[in-house]
């Protein structure tokens, strides 16, 4: 089988604060064209897809260095969602760790990831995060997941 799915997506967002709570609301509009060889029977995906994806991000600091962070998005048209929640526990002034959960799914799938993370603030507004845990997916054996990310605030 050979598949090509060219597409384009554009979005806008707005970040603001309500007291200590930091919020970001955004939305994107995307178009994809599916080309499959050999073709899938009539119950397969449409040849093209237009999808709107609204998203909300929230960061709530509390106590002395603790925080709750999360993201939620829903792909209208595809009927799928992705979300992420994390509890940050201070270890040092520049280091946080804690549990995370990443649920996602759609019309015919459901995935849950349960894990932990370590997040370090580096000089010059750089940040590094290591995360990992267990992924559970309907009808498949559980597997581990791991990620490393590096970011910079501007």
N, C-alpha and C. Protein backbone atom coordinates (compact mmCIF):
# COMPACT_ATOMS: atom_id res chain seq x y z
N UNK A 1 0.84 -1.17 0.00
CA UNK A 1 0.00 0.00 0.00
C UNK A 1 0.89 1.24 0.00
N UNK A 2 0.47 2.23 -0.71
CA UNK A 2 1.18 3.51 -0.79
C UNK A 2 0.18 4.61 -0.45
N UNK A 3 0.57 5.51 0.45
CA UNK A 3 -0.32 6.61 0.85
C UNK A 3 0.42 7.94 0.78
N UNK A 4 -0.27 8.94 0.28
CA UNK A 4 0.21 10.33 0.29
C UNK A 4 -0.91 11.18 0.86
N UNK A 5 -0.56 12.11 1.75
CA UNK A 5 -1.56 12.97 2.37
C UNK A 5 -1.02 14.39 2.45
N UNK A 6 -0.90 15.06 1.30
CA UNK A 6 -0.45 16.45 1.35
C UNK A 6 -1.56 17.34 1.94
N UNK A 7 -1.14 18.41 2.58
CA UNK A 7 -2.12 19.30 3.17
C UNK A 7 -1.50 20.61 3.61
N UNK A 8 -2.33 21.49 4.11
CA UNK A 8 -1.89 22.79 4.61
C UNK A 8 -2.76 23.13 5.82
N UNK A 9 -2.15 23.77 6.83
CA UNK A 9 -2.85 24.17 8.03
C UNK A 9 -2.38 25.56 8.44
N UNK A 10 -3.31 26.40 8.87
CA UNK A 10 -2.99 27.74 9.38
C UNK A 10 -3.80 27.96 10.65
N UNK A 11 -3.23 28.71 11.58
CA UNK A 11 -3.94 28.93 12.83
C UNK A 11 -3.59 30.26 13.47
N UNK A 12 -4.40 30.63 14.45
CA UNK A 12 -4.20 31.85 15.23
C UNK A 12 -4.44 31.52 16.69
N UNK A 13 -3.77 32.27 17.57
CA UNK A 13 -3.97 32.06 18.99
C UNK A 13 -3.81 33.35 19.75
N UNK A 14 -4.26 33.33 20.99
CA UNK A 14 -4.16 34.49 21.85
C UNK A 14 -3.83 34.01 23.25
N UNK A 15 -2.77 34.56 23.85
CA UNK A 15 -2.35 34.21 25.20
C UNK A 15 -2.64 35.37 26.14
N UNK A 16 -3.14 35.05 27.32
CA UNK A 16 -3.44 36.10 28.30
C UNK A 16 -3.43 35.50 29.70
N UNK A 17 -3.50 36.36 30.70
CA UNK A 17 -3.51 35.93 32.10
C UNK A 17 -4.77 36.41 32.79
N UNK A 18 -5.28 35.60 33.67
CA UNK A 18 -6.37 35.97 34.57
C UNK A 18 -5.82 35.77 35.99
N UNK A 19 -5.27 36.83 36.54
CA UNK A 19 -4.57 36.70 37.82
C UNK A 19 -3.30 35.88 37.60
N UNK A 20 -3.14 34.83 38.37
CA UNK A 20 -1.97 33.96 38.21
C UNK A 20 -2.15 32.92 37.10
N UNK A 21 -3.39 32.71 36.69
CA UNK A 21 -3.68 31.69 35.68
C UNK A 21 -3.29 32.19 34.29
N UNK A 22 -2.49 31.40 33.59
CA UNK A 22 -2.09 31.73 32.22
C UNK A 22 -2.92 30.88 31.26
N UNK A 23 -3.52 31.55 30.27
CA UNK A 23 -4.36 30.86 29.30
C UNK A 23 -3.89 31.15 27.88
N UNK A 24 -4.13 30.20 26.99
CA UNK A 24 -3.86 30.37 25.57
C UNK A 24 -5.00 29.68 24.84
N UNK A 25 -5.71 30.45 24.03
CA UNK A 25 -6.76 29.87 23.20
C UNK A 25 -6.32 30.00 21.75
N UNK A 26 -6.54 28.97 20.98
CA UNK A 26 -6.11 29.01 19.59
C UNK A 26 -7.02 28.14 18.74
N UNK A 27 -6.88 28.31 17.45
CA UNK A 27 -7.63 27.50 16.52
C UNK A 27 -6.87 27.41 15.21
N UNK A 28 -7.02 26.29 14.54
CA UNK A 28 -6.37 26.13 13.23
C UNK A 28 -7.38 25.51 12.27
N UNK A 29 -7.17 25.81 11.01
CA UNK A 29 -7.99 25.26 9.94
C UNK A 29 -7.06 24.56 8.97
N UNK A 30 -7.35 23.31 8.67
CA UNK A 30 -6.46 22.54 7.81
C UNK A 30 -7.20 21.80 6.73
N UNK A 31 -6.52 21.59 5.62
CA UNK A 31 -7.05 20.83 4.49
C UNK A 31 -6.04 19.74 4.13
N UNK A 32 -6.53 18.51 3.93
CA UNK A 32 -5.68 17.40 3.52
C UNK A 32 -6.35 16.67 2.37
N UNK A 33 -5.52 16.18 1.44
CA UNK A 33 -6.01 15.36 0.33
C UNK A 33 -5.37 13.98 0.45
N UNK A 34 -6.19 12.93 0.52
CA UNK A 34 -5.71 11.56 0.68
C UNK A 34 -5.61 10.86 -0.66
N UNK A 35 -4.44 10.27 -0.93
CA UNK A 35 -4.23 9.50 -2.14
C UNK A 35 -3.70 8.13 -1.72
N UNK A 36 -4.53 7.09 -1.91
CA UNK A 36 -4.17 5.75 -1.47
C UNK A 36 -4.13 4.79 -2.65
N UNK A 37 -3.09 3.96 -2.69
CA UNK A 37 -2.95 2.96 -3.74
C UNK A 37 -2.63 1.62 -3.10
N UNK A 38 -3.33 0.57 -3.25
CA UNK A 38 -4.60 0.50 -3.98
C UNK A 38 -5.68 1.23 -3.18
N UNK A 39 -6.74 1.59 -3.83
CA UNK A 39 -7.81 2.33 -3.19
C UNK A 39 -8.50 1.48 -2.13
N UNK A 40 -8.99 2.18 -1.11
CA UNK A 40 -9.70 1.52 -0.01
C UNK A 40 -11.18 1.42 -0.39
N UNK A 41 -11.85 0.37 0.04
CA UNK A 41 -13.28 0.23 -0.28
C UNK A 41 -14.10 1.44 0.17
N UNK A 42 -15.36 1.45 -0.21
CA UNK A 42 -16.25 2.59 0.02
C UNK A 42 -16.31 3.03 1.48
N UNK A 43 -16.06 2.16 2.44
CA UNK A 43 -16.13 2.57 3.84
C UNK A 43 -14.82 3.18 4.34
N UNK A 44 -13.86 3.43 3.47
CA UNK A 44 -12.58 4.03 3.83
C UNK A 44 -12.70 5.54 3.97
N UNK A 45 -11.56 6.22 4.18
CA UNK A 45 -11.59 7.67 4.38
C UNK A 45 -11.98 8.41 3.10
N UNK A 46 -12.51 9.61 3.28
CA UNK A 46 -12.83 10.46 2.14
C UNK A 46 -11.54 10.86 1.42
N UNK A 47 -11.68 11.34 0.17
CA UNK A 47 -10.51 11.78 -0.59
C UNK A 47 -9.91 13.05 -0.04
N UNK A 48 -10.73 13.92 0.58
CA UNK A 48 -10.20 15.16 1.14
C UNK A 48 -10.86 15.43 2.47
N UNK A 49 -10.19 16.27 3.28
CA UNK A 49 -10.68 16.54 4.62
C UNK A 49 -10.41 18.00 4.98
N UNK A 50 -11.41 18.68 5.50
CA UNK A 50 -11.27 20.03 6.03
C UNK A 50 -11.53 19.92 7.52
N UNK A 51 -10.58 20.36 8.34
CA UNK A 51 -10.68 20.17 9.78
C UNK A 51 -10.40 21.47 10.52
N UNK A 52 -11.25 21.79 11.49
CA UNK A 52 -11.03 22.91 12.40
C UNK A 52 -10.62 22.33 13.75
N UNK A 53 -9.55 22.88 14.34
CA UNK A 53 -9.04 22.37 15.62
C UNK A 53 -8.94 23.51 16.63
N UNK A 54 -9.93 23.66 17.51
CA UNK A 54 -9.79 24.60 18.61
C UNK A 54 -8.95 23.97 19.72
N UNK A 55 -8.19 24.81 20.44
CA UNK A 55 -7.32 24.31 21.50
C UNK A 55 -7.27 25.31 22.65
N UNK A 56 -7.22 24.80 23.87
CA UNK A 56 -7.07 25.61 25.07
C UNK A 56 -5.87 25.08 25.85
N UNK A 57 -5.01 26.00 26.29
CA UNK A 57 -3.89 25.65 27.15
C UNK A 57 -4.05 26.42 28.45
N UNK A 58 -3.73 25.80 29.57
CA UNK A 58 -3.84 26.47 30.86
C UNK A 58 -2.64 26.09 31.74
N UNK A 59 -2.19 27.07 32.53
CA UNK A 59 -1.10 26.86 33.48
C UNK A 59 -1.51 27.57 34.77
N UNK A 60 -1.62 26.80 35.85
CA UNK A 60 -2.08 27.35 37.12
C UNK A 60 -1.03 27.11 38.20
N UNK A 61 -0.26 28.14 38.57
CA UNK A 61 0.69 27.98 39.67
C UNK A 61 -0.04 28.05 41.02
N UNK A 62 0.42 27.29 41.99
CA UNK A 62 -0.15 27.37 43.33
C UNK A 62 0.90 26.93 44.34
N UNK A 63 0.69 27.29 45.59
CA UNK A 63 1.64 26.93 46.63
C UNK A 63 3.00 27.54 46.33
N UNK A 64 4.02 26.91 46.81
CA UNK A 64 5.38 27.40 46.59
C UNK A 64 6.06 26.59 45.50
N UNK A 65 5.82 26.98 44.25
CA UNK A 65 6.46 26.33 43.11
C UNK A 65 5.66 25.21 42.46
N UNK A 66 4.53 24.82 43.01
CA UNK A 66 3.69 23.79 42.41
C UNK A 66 2.89 24.38 41.25
N UNK A 67 2.49 23.53 40.29
CA UNK A 67 1.62 24.00 39.22
C UNK A 67 0.83 22.85 38.61
N UNK A 68 -0.28 23.21 38.00
CA UNK A 68 -1.06 22.32 37.15
C UNK A 68 -1.02 22.90 35.76
N UNK A 69 -0.75 22.09 34.75
CA UNK A 69 -0.76 22.53 33.36
C UNK A 69 -1.56 21.55 32.53
N UNK A 70 -2.17 22.06 31.48
CA UNK A 70 -2.93 21.17 30.61
C UNK A 70 -3.20 21.76 29.25
N UNK A 71 -3.50 20.89 28.31
CA UNK A 71 -3.87 21.26 26.95
C UNK A 71 -5.04 20.37 26.56
N UNK A 72 -5.99 20.95 25.86
CA UNK A 72 -7.09 20.17 25.31
C UNK A 72 -7.39 20.64 23.91
N UNK A 73 -7.50 19.72 22.96
CA UNK A 73 -7.85 20.10 21.59
C UNK A 73 -8.79 19.05 21.01
N UNK A 74 -9.59 19.50 20.05
CA UNK A 74 -10.55 18.62 19.41
C UNK A 74 -10.55 18.92 17.91
N UNK A 75 -10.38 17.90 17.09
CA UNK A 75 -10.37 18.06 15.63
C UNK A 75 -11.78 17.85 15.10
N UNK A 76 -12.49 18.98 14.89
CA UNK A 76 -13.83 18.93 14.33
C UNK A 76 -13.70 18.46 12.88
N UNK A 77 -14.46 17.55 12.46
CA UNK A 77 -14.36 16.98 11.11
C UNK A 77 -13.76 15.59 11.18
N UNK A 78 -12.70 15.44 11.95
CA UNK A 78 -12.13 14.10 12.15
C UNK A 78 -12.74 13.42 13.37
N UNK A 79 -13.32 14.21 14.27
CA UNK A 79 -13.92 13.64 15.47
C UNK A 79 -12.88 13.06 16.41
N UNK A 80 -11.71 13.70 16.51
CA UNK A 80 -10.67 13.18 17.39
C UNK A 80 -10.24 14.25 18.39
N UNK A 81 -9.66 13.80 19.49
CA UNK A 81 -9.21 14.72 20.53
C UNK A 81 -7.82 14.31 21.02
N UNK A 82 -7.15 15.29 21.61
CA UNK A 82 -5.85 15.06 22.23
C UNK A 82 -5.79 15.98 23.44
N UNK A 83 -5.37 15.45 24.58
CA UNK A 83 -5.25 16.28 25.77
C UNK A 83 -4.05 15.82 26.59
N UNK A 84 -3.67 16.69 27.50
CA UNK A 84 -2.46 16.46 28.27
C UNK A 84 -2.62 17.20 29.59
N UNK A 85 -2.29 16.57 30.70
CA UNK A 85 -2.35 17.21 32.02
C UNK A 85 -1.13 16.80 32.82
N UNK A 86 -0.63 17.77 33.59
CA UNK A 86 0.62 17.55 34.32
C UNK A 86 0.56 18.29 35.66
N UNK A 87 1.05 17.64 36.71
CA UNK A 87 1.20 18.26 38.03
C UNK A 87 2.69 18.47 38.27
N UNK A 88 3.11 19.73 38.37
CA UNK A 88 4.52 20.05 38.60
C UNK A 88 4.81 20.20 40.08
N UNK A 89 5.77 19.44 40.55
CA UNK A 89 6.20 19.47 41.95
C UNK A 89 7.63 19.99 41.98
N UNK A 90 7.89 21.07 42.75
CA UNK A 90 9.25 21.62 42.75
C UNK A 90 10.23 20.70 43.48
N UNK A 91 11.38 20.51 42.86
CA UNK A 91 12.46 19.75 43.48
C UNK A 91 13.56 20.73 43.89
N UNK A 92 13.92 21.61 42.99
CA UNK A 92 14.82 22.73 43.22
C UNK A 92 14.17 23.94 42.57
N UNK A 93 14.76 25.12 42.71
CA UNK A 93 14.15 26.30 42.11
C UNK A 93 14.04 26.20 40.59
N UNK A 94 14.92 25.43 39.95
CA UNK A 94 14.92 25.31 38.48
C UNK A 94 14.44 23.94 38.00
N UNK A 95 14.02 23.06 38.92
CA UNK A 95 13.69 21.69 38.56
C UNK A 95 12.31 21.29 39.10
N UNK A 96 11.47 20.76 38.22
CA UNK A 96 10.16 20.24 38.60
C UNK A 96 10.03 18.80 38.11
N UNK A 97 9.23 18.01 38.80
CA UNK A 97 8.92 16.66 38.37
C UNK A 97 7.47 16.38 38.74
N UNK A 98 6.92 15.30 38.21
CA UNK A 98 5.57 14.94 38.60
C UNK A 98 4.91 13.99 37.63
N UNK A 99 3.65 13.69 37.91
CA UNK A 99 2.89 12.77 37.05
C UNK A 99 2.28 13.51 35.86
N UNK A 100 2.01 12.75 34.80
CA UNK A 100 1.31 13.29 33.64
C UNK A 100 0.36 12.23 33.09
N UNK A 101 -0.68 12.69 32.43
CA UNK A 101 -1.61 11.81 31.73
C UNK A 101 -1.91 12.44 30.37
N UNK A 102 -1.93 11.60 29.33
CA UNK A 102 -2.14 12.09 27.95
C UNK A 102 -3.21 11.20 27.30
N UNK A 103 -4.49 11.57 27.44
CA UNK A 103 -5.54 10.83 26.75
C UNK A 103 -5.79 11.37 25.34
N UNK A 104 -6.05 10.49 24.40
CA UNK A 104 -6.40 10.90 23.04
C UNK A 104 -7.30 9.82 22.45
N UNK A 105 -8.01 10.18 21.40
CA UNK A 105 -8.88 9.21 20.78
C UNK A 105 -9.67 9.79 19.63
N UNK A 106 -10.49 8.96 19.05
CA UNK A 106 -11.30 9.36 17.92
C UNK A 106 -12.44 8.39 17.73
N UNK A 107 -13.00 8.39 16.54
CA UNK A 107 -14.17 7.55 16.26
C UNK A 107 -13.88 6.05 16.42
N UNK A 108 -12.65 5.64 16.13
CA UNK A 108 -12.35 4.21 16.18
C UNK A 108 -11.05 3.87 16.91
N UNK A 109 -10.60 4.76 17.78
CA UNK A 109 -9.41 4.44 18.58
C UNK A 109 -9.44 5.22 19.88
N UNK A 110 -8.68 4.69 20.86
CA UNK A 110 -8.55 5.35 22.15
C UNK A 110 -7.16 5.00 22.69
N UNK A 111 -6.42 6.04 23.09
CA UNK A 111 -5.07 5.85 23.63
C UNK A 111 -4.98 6.59 24.96
N UNK A 112 -4.35 5.96 25.94
CA UNK A 112 -4.10 6.59 27.23
C UNK A 112 -2.62 6.41 27.55
N UNK A 113 -1.97 7.50 27.92
CA UNK A 113 -0.57 7.44 28.35
C UNK A 113 -0.51 7.94 29.78
N UNK A 114 0.14 7.15 30.65
CA UNK A 114 0.32 7.50 32.05
C UNK A 114 1.81 7.49 32.33
N UNK A 115 2.32 8.61 32.85
CA UNK A 115 3.76 8.65 33.07
C UNK A 115 4.19 9.71 34.03
N UNK A 116 5.45 10.08 33.89
CA UNK A 116 6.08 11.08 34.75
C UNK A 116 7.02 11.93 33.91
N UNK A 117 7.38 13.09 34.45
CA UNK A 117 8.27 13.99 33.73
C UNK A 117 9.25 14.64 34.70
N UNK A 118 10.35 15.13 34.14
CA UNK A 118 11.30 15.99 34.84
C UNK A 118 11.55 17.17 33.93
N UNK A 119 11.43 18.38 34.47
CA UNK A 119 11.52 19.62 33.69
C UNK A 119 12.56 20.52 34.34
N UNK A 120 13.55 20.98 33.57
CA UNK A 120 14.61 21.84 34.10
C UNK A 120 14.68 23.16 33.33
N UNK A 121 14.68 24.26 34.08
CA UNK A 121 14.86 25.58 33.49
C UNK A 121 16.36 25.84 33.36
N UNK A 122 16.80 26.13 32.14
CA UNK A 122 18.21 26.36 31.85
C UNK A 122 18.46 27.86 31.67
N UNK A 123 19.71 28.29 31.63
CA UNK A 123 20.01 29.71 31.41
C UNK A 123 19.48 30.20 30.06
N UNK A 124 19.28 31.50 29.94
CA UNK A 124 18.86 32.18 28.71
C UNK A 124 17.47 31.73 28.25
N UNK A 125 16.58 31.43 29.21
CA UNK A 125 15.18 31.07 28.95
C UNK A 125 15.01 29.76 28.19
N UNK A 126 16.01 28.89 28.23
CA UNK A 126 15.88 27.55 27.65
C UNK A 126 15.27 26.61 28.67
N UNK A 127 14.64 25.55 28.20
CA UNK A 127 14.00 24.57 29.06
C UNK A 127 14.20 23.18 28.45
N UNK A 128 14.43 22.18 29.29
CA UNK A 128 14.57 20.81 28.82
C UNK A 128 13.63 19.92 29.63
N UNK A 129 12.95 19.01 28.95
CA UNK A 129 12.00 18.11 29.60
C UNK A 129 12.23 16.67 29.14
N UNK A 130 12.22 15.76 30.09
CA UNK A 130 12.29 14.33 29.82
C UNK A 130 11.01 13.72 30.39
N UNK A 131 10.33 12.89 29.60
CA UNK A 131 9.10 12.27 30.07
C UNK A 131 9.03 10.83 29.58
N UNK A 132 8.28 10.04 30.29
CA UNK A 132 8.11 8.65 29.88
C UNK A 132 7.07 7.96 30.73
N UNK A 133 6.61 6.82 30.23
CA UNK A 133 5.60 6.08 30.95
C UNK A 133 5.05 4.93 30.15
N UNK A 134 3.78 4.62 30.38
CA UNK A 134 3.10 3.48 29.77
C UNK A 134 1.98 3.96 28.86
N UNK A 135 1.93 3.42 27.66
CA UNK A 135 0.85 3.73 26.71
C UNK A 135 -0.07 2.53 26.58
N UNK A 136 -1.37 2.78 26.72
CA UNK A 136 -2.38 1.74 26.57
C UNK A 136 -3.26 2.12 25.38
N UNK A 137 -3.43 1.18 24.46
CA UNK A 137 -4.24 1.40 23.27
C UNK A 137 -5.17 0.22 23.08
N UNK A 138 -6.42 0.53 22.73
CA UNK A 138 -7.42 -0.52 22.53
C UNK A 138 -6.92 -1.61 21.60
N UNK A 139 -7.02 -2.86 22.04
CA UNK A 139 -6.71 -3.99 21.19
C UNK A 139 -5.24 -4.27 20.97
N UNK A 140 -4.35 -3.51 21.61
CA UNK A 140 -2.91 -3.71 21.44
C UNK A 140 -2.26 -3.89 22.80
N UNK A 141 -1.10 -4.53 22.85
CA UNK A 141 -0.40 -4.66 24.13
C UNK A 141 0.11 -3.30 24.61
N UNK A 142 0.22 -3.14 25.92
CA UNK A 142 0.78 -1.91 26.49
C UNK A 142 2.25 -1.78 26.07
N UNK A 143 2.68 -0.54 25.82
CA UNK A 143 4.06 -0.27 25.45
C UNK A 143 4.55 0.95 26.23
N UNK A 144 5.84 1.10 26.32
CA UNK A 144 6.42 2.27 26.96
C UNK A 144 6.51 3.43 25.98
N UNK A 145 6.58 4.63 26.52
CA UNK A 145 6.83 5.81 25.69
C UNK A 145 7.86 6.68 26.40
N UNK A 146 8.61 7.44 25.62
CA UNK A 146 9.61 8.36 26.17
C UNK A 146 9.75 9.52 25.21
N UNK A 147 10.08 10.68 25.76
CA UNK A 147 10.28 11.88 24.95
C UNK A 147 11.30 12.79 25.61
N UNK A 148 11.99 13.53 24.76
CA UNK A 148 12.94 14.54 25.20
C UNK A 148 12.62 15.80 24.42
N UNK A 149 12.41 16.92 25.11
CA UNK A 149 12.13 18.16 24.39
C UNK A 149 12.99 19.29 24.93
N UNK A 150 13.34 20.19 24.02
CA UNK A 150 14.13 21.37 24.33
C UNK A 150 13.37 22.56 23.77
N UNK A 151 13.17 23.59 24.60
CA UNK A 151 12.42 24.75 24.14
C UNK A 151 13.06 26.03 24.65
N UNK A 152 12.67 27.16 24.02
CA UNK A 152 13.17 28.48 24.41
C UNK A 152 12.03 29.46 24.42
N UNK A 153 11.94 30.26 25.48
CA UNK A 153 10.94 31.32 25.55
C UNK A 153 11.48 32.57 24.88
N UNK A 154 10.60 33.24 24.15
CA UNK A 154 10.96 34.50 23.50
C UNK A 154 10.14 35.62 24.05
